[in-house]
C-alpha atoms as a PDB file:
ATOM      1  CA  UNK A   1       0.000   0.000   0.000  1.00  0.00           C
ATOM      2  CA  UNK A   2       1.362   3.402  -1.011  1.00  0.00           C
ATOM      3  CA  UNK A   3       0.555   6.168   1.461  1.00  0.00           C
ATOM      4  CA  UNK A   4       0.276   9.556  -0.232  1.00  0.00           C
ATOM      5  CA  UNK A   5      -0.052  13.201   0.771  1.00  0.00           C
ATOM      6  CA  UNK A   6      -2.189  15.167  -1.708  1.00  0.00           C
ATOM      7  CA  UNK A   7      -0.694  18.662  -2.058  1.00  0.00           C
ATOM      8  CA  UNK A   8      -3.486  20.859  -3.409  1.00  0.00           C
ATOM      9  CA  UNK A   9      -6.172  18.390  -2.376  1.00  0.00           C
ATOM     10  CA  UNK A  10      -9.148  20.731  -2.777  1.00  0.00           C
ATOM     11  CA  UNK A  11      -8.277  22.013  -6.217  1.00  0.00           C
ATOM     12  CA  UNK A  12      -9.938  20.414  -9.234  1.00  0.00           C
ATOM     13  CA  UNK A  13      -7.160  17.898  -9.865  1.00  0.00           C
ATOM     14  CA  UNK A  14      -6.797  17.128  -6.177  1.00  0.00           C
ATOM     15  CA  UNK A  15     -10.467  16.210  -5.991  1.00  0.00           C
ATOM     16  CA  UNK A  16     -10.249  14.035  -9.108  1.00  0.00           C
ATOM     17  CA  UNK A  17      -7.217  12.200  -7.729  1.00  0.00           C
ATOM     18  CA  UNK A  18      -8.957  11.700  -4.386  1.00  0.00           C
ATOM     19  CA  UNK A  19     -11.882  10.054  -6.176  1.00  0.00           C
ATOM     20  CA  UNK A  20      -9.612   7.753  -8.188  1.00  0.00           C
ATOM     21  CA  UNK A  21      -7.610   6.698  -5.136  1.00  0.00           C
ATOM     22  CA  UNK A  22     -10.775   5.784  -3.251  1.00  0.00           C
ATOM     23  CA  UNK A  23     -11.271   2.949  -5.751  1.00  0.00           C
ATOM     24  CA  UNK A  24      -7.629   1.835  -5.905  1.00  0.00           C
ATOM     25  CA  UNK A  25      -6.609  -0.746  -3.268  1.00  0.00           C
ATOM     26  CA  UNK A  26      -2.901  -0.133  -3.917  1.00  0.00           C
ATOM     27  CA  UNK A  27      -2.790   3.487  -2.730  1.00  0.00           C
ATOM     28  CA  UNK A  28      -4.309   5.623   0.022  1.00  0.00           C
ATOM     29  CA  UNK A  29      -4.313   9.369   0.643  1.00  0.00           C
ATOM     30  CA  UNK A  30      -3.375   9.773   4.303  1.00  0.00           C
ATOM     31  CA  UNK A  31      -3.327  13.588   4.388  1.00  0.00           C
ATOM     32  CA  UNK A  32      -4.062  16.609   2.249  1.00  0.00           C
ATOM     33  CA  UNK A  33      -2.695  20.143   2.036  1.00  0.00           C
ATOM     34  CA  UNK A  34      -4.807  23.088   0.930  1.00  0.00           C
ATOM     35  CA  UNK A  35      -5.395  26.596   2.332  1.00  0.00           C
ATOM     36  CA  UNK A  36      -9.118  26.187   1.636  1.00  0.00           C
ATOM     37  CA  UNK A  37     -10.936  23.343   3.377  1.00  0.00           C
ATOM     38  CA  UNK A  38     -14.654  22.754   3.858  1.00  0.00           C
ATOM     39  CA  UNK A  39     -14.179  19.523   5.780  1.00  0.00           C
ATOM     40  CA  UNK A  40     -15.496  17.165   3.094  1.00  0.00           C
ATOM     41  CA  UNK A  41     -12.360  14.994   2.866  1.00  0.00           C
ATOM     42  CA  UNK A  42     -12.060  11.685   4.691  1.00  0.00           C
ATOM     43  CA  UNK A  43      -8.405  12.450   5.522  1.00  0.00           C
ATOM     44  CA  UNK A  44      -6.900  15.300   7.599  1.00  0.00           C
ATOM     45  CA  UNK A  45      -6.194  18.519   5.681  1.00  0.00           C
ATOM     46  CA  UNK A  46      -3.454  20.996   6.629  1.00  0.00           C
ATOM     47  CA  UNK A  47      -3.357  24.618   5.507  1.00  0.00           C
ATOM     48  CA  UNK A  48       0.341  24.411   4.599  1.00  0.00           C
ATOM     49  CA  UNK A  49       2.771  21.586   3.894  1.00  0.00           C
ATOM     50  CA  UNK A  50       4.983  22.672   6.793  1.00  0.00           C
ATOM     51  CA  UNK A  51       2.125  21.829   9.213  1.00  0.00           C
ATOM     52  CA  UNK A  52       1.702  18.268   7.911  1.00  0.00           C
ATOM     53  CA  UNK A  53       2.956  15.701  10.435  1.00  0.00           C
ATOM     54  CA  UNK A  54       1.510  12.548   8.837  1.00  0.00           C
ATOM     55  CA  UNK A  55       3.885   9.775   7.733  1.00  0.00           C
ATOM     56  CA  UNK A  56       3.725   9.049   4.006  1.00  0.00           C
ATOM     57  CA  UNK A  57       5.585   7.273   1.193  1.00  0.00           C
ATOM     58  CA  UNK A  58       5.083   9.951  -1.459  1.00  0.00           C
ATOM     59  CA  UNK A  59       3.607  13.392  -2.127  1.00  0.00           C
ATOM     60  CA  UNK A  60       1.429  14.153  -5.152  1.00  0.00           C
ATOM     61  CA  UNK A  61       1.569  17.847  -6.046  1.00  0.00           C
ATOM     62  CA  UNK A  62      -1.114  19.617  -8.063  1.00  0.00           C
ATOM     63  CA  UNK A  63      -0.967  23.001  -6.335  1.00  0.00           C
ATOM     64  CA  UNK A  64      -0.055  26.524  -7.456  1.00  0.00           C
ATOM     65  CA  UNK A  65       3.492  27.397  -8.503  1.00  0.00           C
ATOM     66  CA  UNK A  66       3.797  29.801  -5.564  1.00  0.00           C
ATOM     67  CA  UNK A  67       3.542  26.837  -3.164  1.00  0.00           C
ATOM     68  CA  UNK A  68       6.478  24.990  -4.750  1.00  0.00           C
ATOM     69  CA  UNK A  69       9.243  26.575  -2.652  1.00  0.00           C
ATOM     70  CA  UNK A  70       7.761  25.429   0.669  1.00  0.00           C
ATOM     71  CA  UNK A  71       7.003  22.002  -0.782  1.00  0.00           C
ATOM     72  CA  UNK A  72      10.612  21.472  -1.912  1.00  0.00           C
ATOM     73  CA  UNK A  73      11.905  22.501   1.525  1.00  0.00           C
ATOM     74  CA  UNK A  74       9.567  19.934   3.083  1.00  0.00           C
ATOM     75  CA  UNK A  75      10.562  17.187   0.627  1.00  0.00           C
ATOM     76  CA  UNK A  76      14.248  17.838   1.293  1.00  0.00           C
ATOM     77  CA  UNK A  77      13.819  17.863   5.069  1.00  0.00           C
ATOM     78  CA  UNK A  78      11.456  14.895   5.384  1.00  0.00           C
ATOM     79  CA  UNK A  79      13.070  12.877   2.542  1.00  0.00           C
ATOM     80  CA  UNK A  80       9.648  12.029   1.096  1.00  0.00           C
ATOM     81  CA  UNK A  81       9.578  11.379  -2.694  1.00  0.00           C
ATOM     82  CA  UNK A  82       7.335  13.729  -4.657  1.00  0.00           C
ATOM     83  CA  UNK A  83       5.392  13.650  -7.928  1.00  0.00           C
ATOM     84  CA  UNK A  84       5.402  17.255  -9.187  1.00  0.00           C
ATOM     85  CA  UNK A  85       2.625  18.069 -11.649  1.00  0.00           C
ATOM     86  CA  UNK A  86       2.435  21.841 -11.185  1.00  0.00           C
ATOM     87  CA  UNK A  87       3.317  23.924 -14.264  1.00  0.00           C
ATOM     88  CA  UNK A  88       4.353  27.557 -14.741  1.00  0.00           C
ATOM     89  CA  UNK A  89       7.447  27.204 -12.537  1.00  0.00           C
ATOM     90  CA  UNK A  90      10.247  29.767 -12.607  1.00  0.00           C
ATOM     91  CA  UNK A  91      13.770  28.931 -13.744  1.00  0.00           C
ATOM     92  CA  UNK A  92      14.870  29.208 -10.119  1.00  0.00           C
ATOM     93  CA  UNK A  93      12.254  26.670  -9.027  1.00  0.00           C
ATOM     94  CA  UNK A  94      13.270  24.251 -11.779  1.00  0.00           C
ATOM     95  CA  UNK A  95      16.894  24.555 -10.670  1.00  0.00           C
ATOM     96  CA  UNK A  96      15.836  23.946  -7.057  1.00  0.00           C
ATOM     97  CA  UNK A  97      13.972  20.781  -8.116  1.00  0.00           C
ATOM     98  CA  UNK A  98      17.150  19.436  -9.714  1.00  0.00           C
ATOM     99  CA  UNK A  99      19.098  20.240  -6.551  1.00  0.00           C
ATOM    100  CA  UNK A 100      16.615  18.496  -4.233  1.00  0.00           C
ATOM    101  CA  UNK A 101      16.429  15.457  -6.555  1.00  0.00           C
ATOM    102  CA  UNK A 102      20.064  14.676  -5.699  1.00  0.00           C
ATOM    103  CA  UNK A 103      18.867  13.903  -2.174  1.00  0.00           C
ATOM    104  CA  UNK A 104      15.384  12.409  -2.679  1.00  0.00           C
ATOM    105  CA  UNK A 105      13.398  10.895  -5.544  1.00  0.00           C
ATOM    106  CA  UNK A 106      11.377  13.423  -7.549  1.00  0.00           C
ATOM    107  CA  UNK A 107       9.217  12.770 -10.596  1.00  0.00           C
ATOM    108  CA  UNK A 108       8.488  15.907 -12.599  1.00  0.00           C
ATOM    109  CA  UNK A 109       6.276  16.009 -15.647  1.00  0.00           C
ATOM    110  CA  UNK A 110       4.370  18.808 -17.331  1.00  0.00           C
ATOM    111  CA  UNK A 111       1.820  16.257 -18.499  1.00  0.00           C
ATOM    112  CA  UNK A 112       0.938  12.994 -16.770  1.00  0.00           C
ATOM    113  CA  UNK A 113      -0.946  11.501 -19.715  1.00  0.00           C
ATOM    114  CA  UNK A 114       0.165   8.114 -21.023  1.00  0.00           C
ATOM    115  CA  UNK A 115      -0.652   9.273 -24.548  1.00  0.00           C
ATOM    116  CA  UNK A 116       1.421  12.461 -24.418  1.00  0.00           C
ATOM    117  CA  UNK A 117       4.414  10.660 -22.974  1.00  0.00           C
ATOM    118  CA  UNK A 118       4.230   8.091 -25.767  1.00  0.00           C
ATOM    119  CA  UNK A 119       4.147  10.959 -28.280  1.00  0.00           C
ATOM    120  CA  UNK A 120       7.440  12.236 -26.839  1.00  0.00           C
ATOM    121  CA  UNK A 121       9.051   9.045 -28.105  1.00  0.00           C
ATOM    122  CA  UNK A 122       7.283   9.179 -31.475  1.00  0.00           C
ATOM    123  CA  UNK A 123       8.449  12.751 -32.092  1.00  0.00           C
ATOM    124  CA  UNK A 124      12.091  11.833 -31.601  1.00  0.00           C
ATOM    125  CA  UNK A 125      11.792   9.200 -34.320  1.00  0.00           C
ATOM    126  CA  UNK A 126       9.843  11.541 -36.601  1.00  0.00           C
ATOM    127  CA  UNK A 127      12.503  14.250 -36.283  1.00  0.00           C
ATOM    128  CA  UNK A 128      15.185  11.856 -37.472  1.00  0.00           C
ATOM    129  CA  UNK A 129      13.243  11.461 -40.732  1.00  0.00           C
ATOM    130  CA  UNK A 130      11.672  14.867 -41.376  1.00  0.00           C
ATOM    131  CA  UNK A 131      14.265  17.366 -40.117  1.00  0.00           C
ATOM    132  CA  UNK A 132      17.036  16.240 -42.519  1.00  0.00           C
ATOM    133  CA  UNK A 133      14.472  16.428 -45.332  1.00  0.00           C
ATOM    134  CA  UNK A 134      13.863  20.117 -44.572  1.00  0.00           C
ATOM    135  CA  UNK A 135      10.385  19.902 -43.021  1.00  0.00           C
ATOM    136  CA  UNK A 136       9.299  22.888 -40.897  1.00  0.00           C
ATOM    137  CA  UNK A 137       8.152  22.078 -37.368  1.00  0.00           C
ATOM    138  CA  UNK A 138       5.226  23.810 -35.660  1.00  0.00           C
ATOM    139  CA  UNK A 139       3.424  23.157 -32.364  1.00  0.00           C
ATOM    140  CA  UNK A 140      -0.112  24.388 -31.700  1.00  0.00           C
ATOM    141  CA  UNK A 141      -1.519  23.970 -28.193  1.00  0.00           C
ATOM    142  CA  UNK A 142      -5.055  24.749 -27.011  1.00  0.00           C
ATOM    143  CA  UNK A 143      -6.385  25.072 -23.467  1.00  0.00           C
ATOM    144  CA  UNK A 144      -9.307  26.521 -21.493  1.00  0.00           C
ATOM    145  CA  UNK A 145      -9.579  30.241 -20.875  1.00  0.00           C
ATOM    146  CA  UNK A 146      -8.563  29.967 -17.209  1.00  0.00           C
ATOM    147  CA  UNK A 147      -5.087  28.552 -17.844  1.00  0.00           C
ATOM    148  CA  UNK A 148      -2.475  31.055 -16.663  1.00  0.00           C
ATOM    149  CA  UNK A 149       0.723  30.036 -18.449  1.00  0.00           C
ATOM    150  CA  UNK A 150       1.346  30.122 -22.183  1.00  0.00           C
ATOM    151  CA  UNK A 151       2.711  28.260 -23.963  1.00  0.00           C
ATOM    152  CA  UNK A 152       1.814  25.208 -21.928  1.00  0.00           C
ATOM    153  CA  UNK A 153       4.451  23.221 -20.093  1.00  0.00           C
ATOM    154  CA  UNK A 154       3.529  20.254 -22.272  1.00  0.00           C
ATOM    155  CA  UNK A 155       4.174  22.219 -25.477  1.00  0.00           C
ATOM    156  CA  UNK A 156       7.607  23.185 -24.192  1.00  0.00           C
ATOM    157  CA  UNK A 157       8.300  19.574 -23.217  1.00  0.00           C
ATOM    158  CA  UNK A 158       7.302  18.403 -26.700  1.00  0.00           C
ATOM    159  CA  UNK A 159       9.736  20.914 -28.178  1.00  0.00           C
ATOM    160  CA  UNK A 160      12.452  19.894 -25.726  1.00  0.00           C
ATOM    161  CA  UNK A 161      12.048  16.228 -26.651  1.00  0.00           C
ATOM    162  CA  UNK A 162      12.584  17.093 -30.318  1.00  0.00           C
ATOM    163  CA  UNK A 163      15.577  19.307 -29.556  1.00  0.00           C
ATOM    164  CA  UNK A 164      17.270  16.292 -27.986  1.00  0.00           C
ATOM    165  CA  UNK A 165      17.431  14.917 -31.533  1.00  0.00           C
ATOM    166  CA  UNK A 166      17.636  18.167 -33.510  1.00  0.00           C
ATOM    167  CA  UNK A 167      20.422  19.746 -31.479  1.00  0.00           C
ATOM    168  CA  UNK A 168      21.110  23.265 -30.237  1.00  0.00           C
ATOM    169  CA  UNK A 169      20.944  24.787 -33.723  1.00  0.00           C
ATOM    170  CA  UNK A 170      17.151  24.714 -33.400  1.00  0.00           C
ATOM    171  CA  UNK A 171      15.353  27.378 -31.344  1.00  0.00           C
ATOM    172  CA  UNK A 172      11.799  28.256 -30.262  1.00  0.00           C
ATOM    173  CA  UNK A 173       9.728  30.990 -31.890  1.00  0.00           C
ATOM    174  CA  UNK A 174       6.768  32.091 -29.753  1.00  0.00           C
ATOM    175  CA  UNK A 175       5.680  35.233 -31.617  1.00  0.00           C
ATOM    176  CA  UNK A 176       6.006  36.273 -35.252  1.00  0.00           C
ATOM    177  CA  UNK A 177       3.801  39.364 -35.026  1.00  0.00           C
ATOM    178  CA  UNK A 178       6.754  41.757 -34.940  1.00  0.00           C
ATOM    179  CA  UNK A 179       8.725  40.008 -37.675  1.00  0.00           C
ATOM    180  CA  UNK A 180       8.695  40.592 -41.396  1.00  0.00           C
ATOM    181  CA  UNK A 181      11.106  37.973 -42.585  1.00  0.00           C
ATOM    182  CA  UNK A 182      11.197  34.499 -44.040  1.00  0.00           C
ATOM    183  CA  UNK A 183      10.748  31.653 -41.589  1.00  0.00           C
ATOM    184  CA  UNK A 184      14.051  30.339 -40.247  1.00  0.00           C
ATOM    185  CA  UNK A 185      14.384  26.624 -41.126  1.00  0.00           C
ATOM    186  CA  UNK A 186      15.831  25.953 -37.659  1.00  0.00           C
ATOM    187  CA  UNK A 187      12.933  27.380 -35.664  1.00  0.00           C
ATOM    188  CA  UNK A 188      10.263  25.416 -33.839  1.00  0.00           C
ATOM    189  CA  UNK A 189       7.139  27.565 -33.872  1.00  0.00           C
ATOM    190  CA  UNK A 190       4.912  27.353 -30.794  1.00  0.00           C
ATOM    191  CA  UNK A 191       1.408  28.871 -30.784  1.00  0.00           C
ATOM    192  CA  UNK A 192      -1.042  29.020 -27.863  1.00  0.00           C
ATOM    193  CA  UNK A 193      -4.852  29.179 -28.033  1.00  0.00           C
ATOM    194  CA  UNK A 194      -6.974  29.926 -24.950  1.00  0.00           C
ATOM    195  CA  UNK A 195     -10.739  29.541 -25.038  1.00  0.00           C
ATOM    196  CA  UNK A 196     -13.820  28.002 -23.499  1.00  0.00           C
ATOM    197  CA  UNK A 197     -13.406  24.757 -21.613  1.00  0.00           C
ATOM    198  CA  UNK A 198     -10.789  23.033 -23.790  1.00  0.00           C
ATOM    199  CA  UNK A 199      -9.116  20.502 -21.499  1.00  0.00           C
ATOM    200  CA  UNK A 200      -5.955  20.231 -23.557  1.00  0.00           C
ATOM    201  CA  UNK A 201      -4.945  19.736 -27.158  1.00  0.00           C
ATOM    202  CA  UNK A 202      -1.420  19.511 -28.567  1.00  0.00           C
ATOM    203  CA  UNK A 203      -0.611  19.184 -32.254  1.00  0.00           C
ATOM    204  CA  UNK A 204       2.833  18.885 -33.818  1.00  0.00           C
ATOM    205  CA  UNK A 205       3.066  19.568 -37.553  1.00  0.00           C
ATOM    206  CA  UNK A 206       5.901  18.563 -39.859  1.00  0.00           C
ATOM    207  CA  UNK A 207       5.349  20.730 -42.941  1.00  0.00           C
ATOM    208  CA  UNK A 208       7.144  19.794 -46.133  1.00  0.00           C
ATOM    209  CA  UNK A 209       6.757  20.201 -49.868  1.00  0.00           C
ATOM    210  CA  UNK A 210       3.204  19.168 -50.805  1.00  0.00           C
ATOM    211  CA  UNK A 211       2.497  17.299 -47.550  1.00  0.00           C
ATOM    212  CA  UNK A 212       1.914  17.865 -43.853  1.00  0.00           C
ATOM    213  CA  UNK A 213       2.261  15.202 -41.163  1.00  0.00           C
ATOM    214  CA  UNK A 214       0.288  15.848 -37.972  1.00  0.00           C
ATOM    215  CA  UNK A 215       0.826  14.144 -34.621  1.00  0.00           C
ATOM    216  CA  UNK A 216      -1.964  15.162 -32.276  1.00  0.00           C
ATOM    217  CA  UNK A 217      -3.180  14.449 -28.755  1.00  0.00           C
ATOM    218  CA  UNK A 218      -6.556  15.564 -27.393  1.00  0.00           C
ATOM    219  CA  UNK A 219      -7.547  15.304 -23.743  1.00  0.00           C
ATOM    220  CA  UNK A 220     -11.299  15.086 -23.191  1.00  0.00           C
ATOM    221  CA  UNK A 221     -11.086  14.883 -19.403  1.00  0.00           C
ATOM    222  CA  UNK A 222      -8.590  15.800 -16.708  1.00  0.00           C
ATOM    223  CA  UNK A 223      -9.022  12.275 -15.371  1.00  0.00           C
ATOM    224  CA  UNK A 224      -6.229  11.096 -17.684  1.00  0.00           C
ATOM    225  CA  UNK A 225      -3.766  13.359 -15.868  1.00  0.00           C
ATOM    226  CA  UNK A 226      -5.020  12.205 -12.477  1.00  0.00           C
ATOM    227  CA  UNK A 227      -4.647   8.525 -13.401  1.00  0.00           C
ATOM    228  CA  UNK A 228      -1.106   9.180 -14.571  1.00  0.00           C
ATOM    229  CA  UNK A 229      -0.237  10.967 -11.330  1.00  0.00           C
ATOM    230  CA  UNK A 230      -1.529   8.037  -9.282  1.00  0.00           C
ATOM    231  CA  UNK A 231       0.529   5.582 -11.364  1.00  0.00           C
ATOM    232  CA  UNK A 232       3.573   7.809 -10.916  1.00  0.00           C
ATOM    233  CA  UNK A 233       3.088   7.918  -7.135  1.00  0.00           C
ATOM    234  CA  UNK A 234       2.988   4.125  -6.904  1.00  0.00           C
ATOM    235  CA  UNK A 235       6.076   3.931  -9.125  1.00  0.00           C
ATOM    236  CA  UNK A 236       8.058   6.458  -7.046  1.00  0.00           C
ATOM    237  CA  UNK A 237       7.561   4.745  -3.680  1.00  0.00           C
ATOM    238  CA  UNK A 238      10.911   3.518  -2.412  1.00  0.00           C
ATOM    239  CA  UNK A 239      12.908   4.818  -5.388  1.00  0.00           C
ATOM    240  CA  UNK A 240      16.467   6.074  -4.960  1.00  0.00           C
ATOM    241  CA  UNK A 241      17.217   9.781  -5.165  1.00  0.00           C
ATOM    242  CA  UNK A 242      17.085  11.170  -8.684  1.00  0.00           C
ATOM    243  CA  UNK A 243      14.960  13.101 -11.152  1.00  0.00           C
ATOM    244  CA  UNK A 244      12.397  10.876 -12.895  1.00  0.00           C
ATOM    245  CA  UNK A 245       9.699  11.527 -15.486  1.00  0.00           C
ATOM    246  CA  UNK A 246       6.695   9.714 -16.923  1.00  0.00           C
ATOM    247  CA  UNK A 247       8.954   8.020 -19.435  1.00  0.00           C
ATOM    248  CA  UNK A 248      10.354   6.014 -16.531  1.00  0.00           C
ATOM    249  CA  UNK A 249       6.847   5.003 -15.458  1.00  0.00           C
ATOM    250  CA  UNK A 250       5.817   3.683 -18.880  1.00  0.00           C
ATOM    251  CA  UNK A 251       9.208   2.214 -19.854  1.00  0.00           C
END
């Protein structure tokens, strides 16, 4: 049995994860952390992670980026592995995650979906074929109108996975509105759409002469991210210090 602390338990994703765990005999949420609590949870809820004194095997984080600093201090002090799903982190926070991962196991992923993490692998193979042939690469991501960060962490991760194959000659282009010049063949264009209740859609286009290849993932429910986070938590229990991702879970 994996004992988990749900960081951000009363947010939308925290509630979805709580519901999934209730029907999973292999994992149990033993405590939650959230500044807002109406008492509906079956486990104790603390207003801040520093107040939590419940023993656990892993922490699942789906809170706001501003709560990350305190969470990392707690993880480092308590030596409790953590699954970090929060996006919109600063460069300093990302560097801090890498530092803490040398002392305790951390799994960080901008997207917990099994489908997206399989696409990471597919894109690396596609780049080996299309980039040498001169195909232009574009990413279009779409999310609901309440999402704060743009482009999405997943879009950046998709681009990063391709750059592992393409090399440092390639760069990201987020905005062409101020440019009046021919497209650079080494750029990876990234466009963000925000509207309505779109859960999440990511499309990678390889655009060549007389053909376009599209690799696309559409999320119809946030449950896919919650299921991935639960799988990651069970995977991370007892793991040695290091920085893991969903690729390790599905390997």
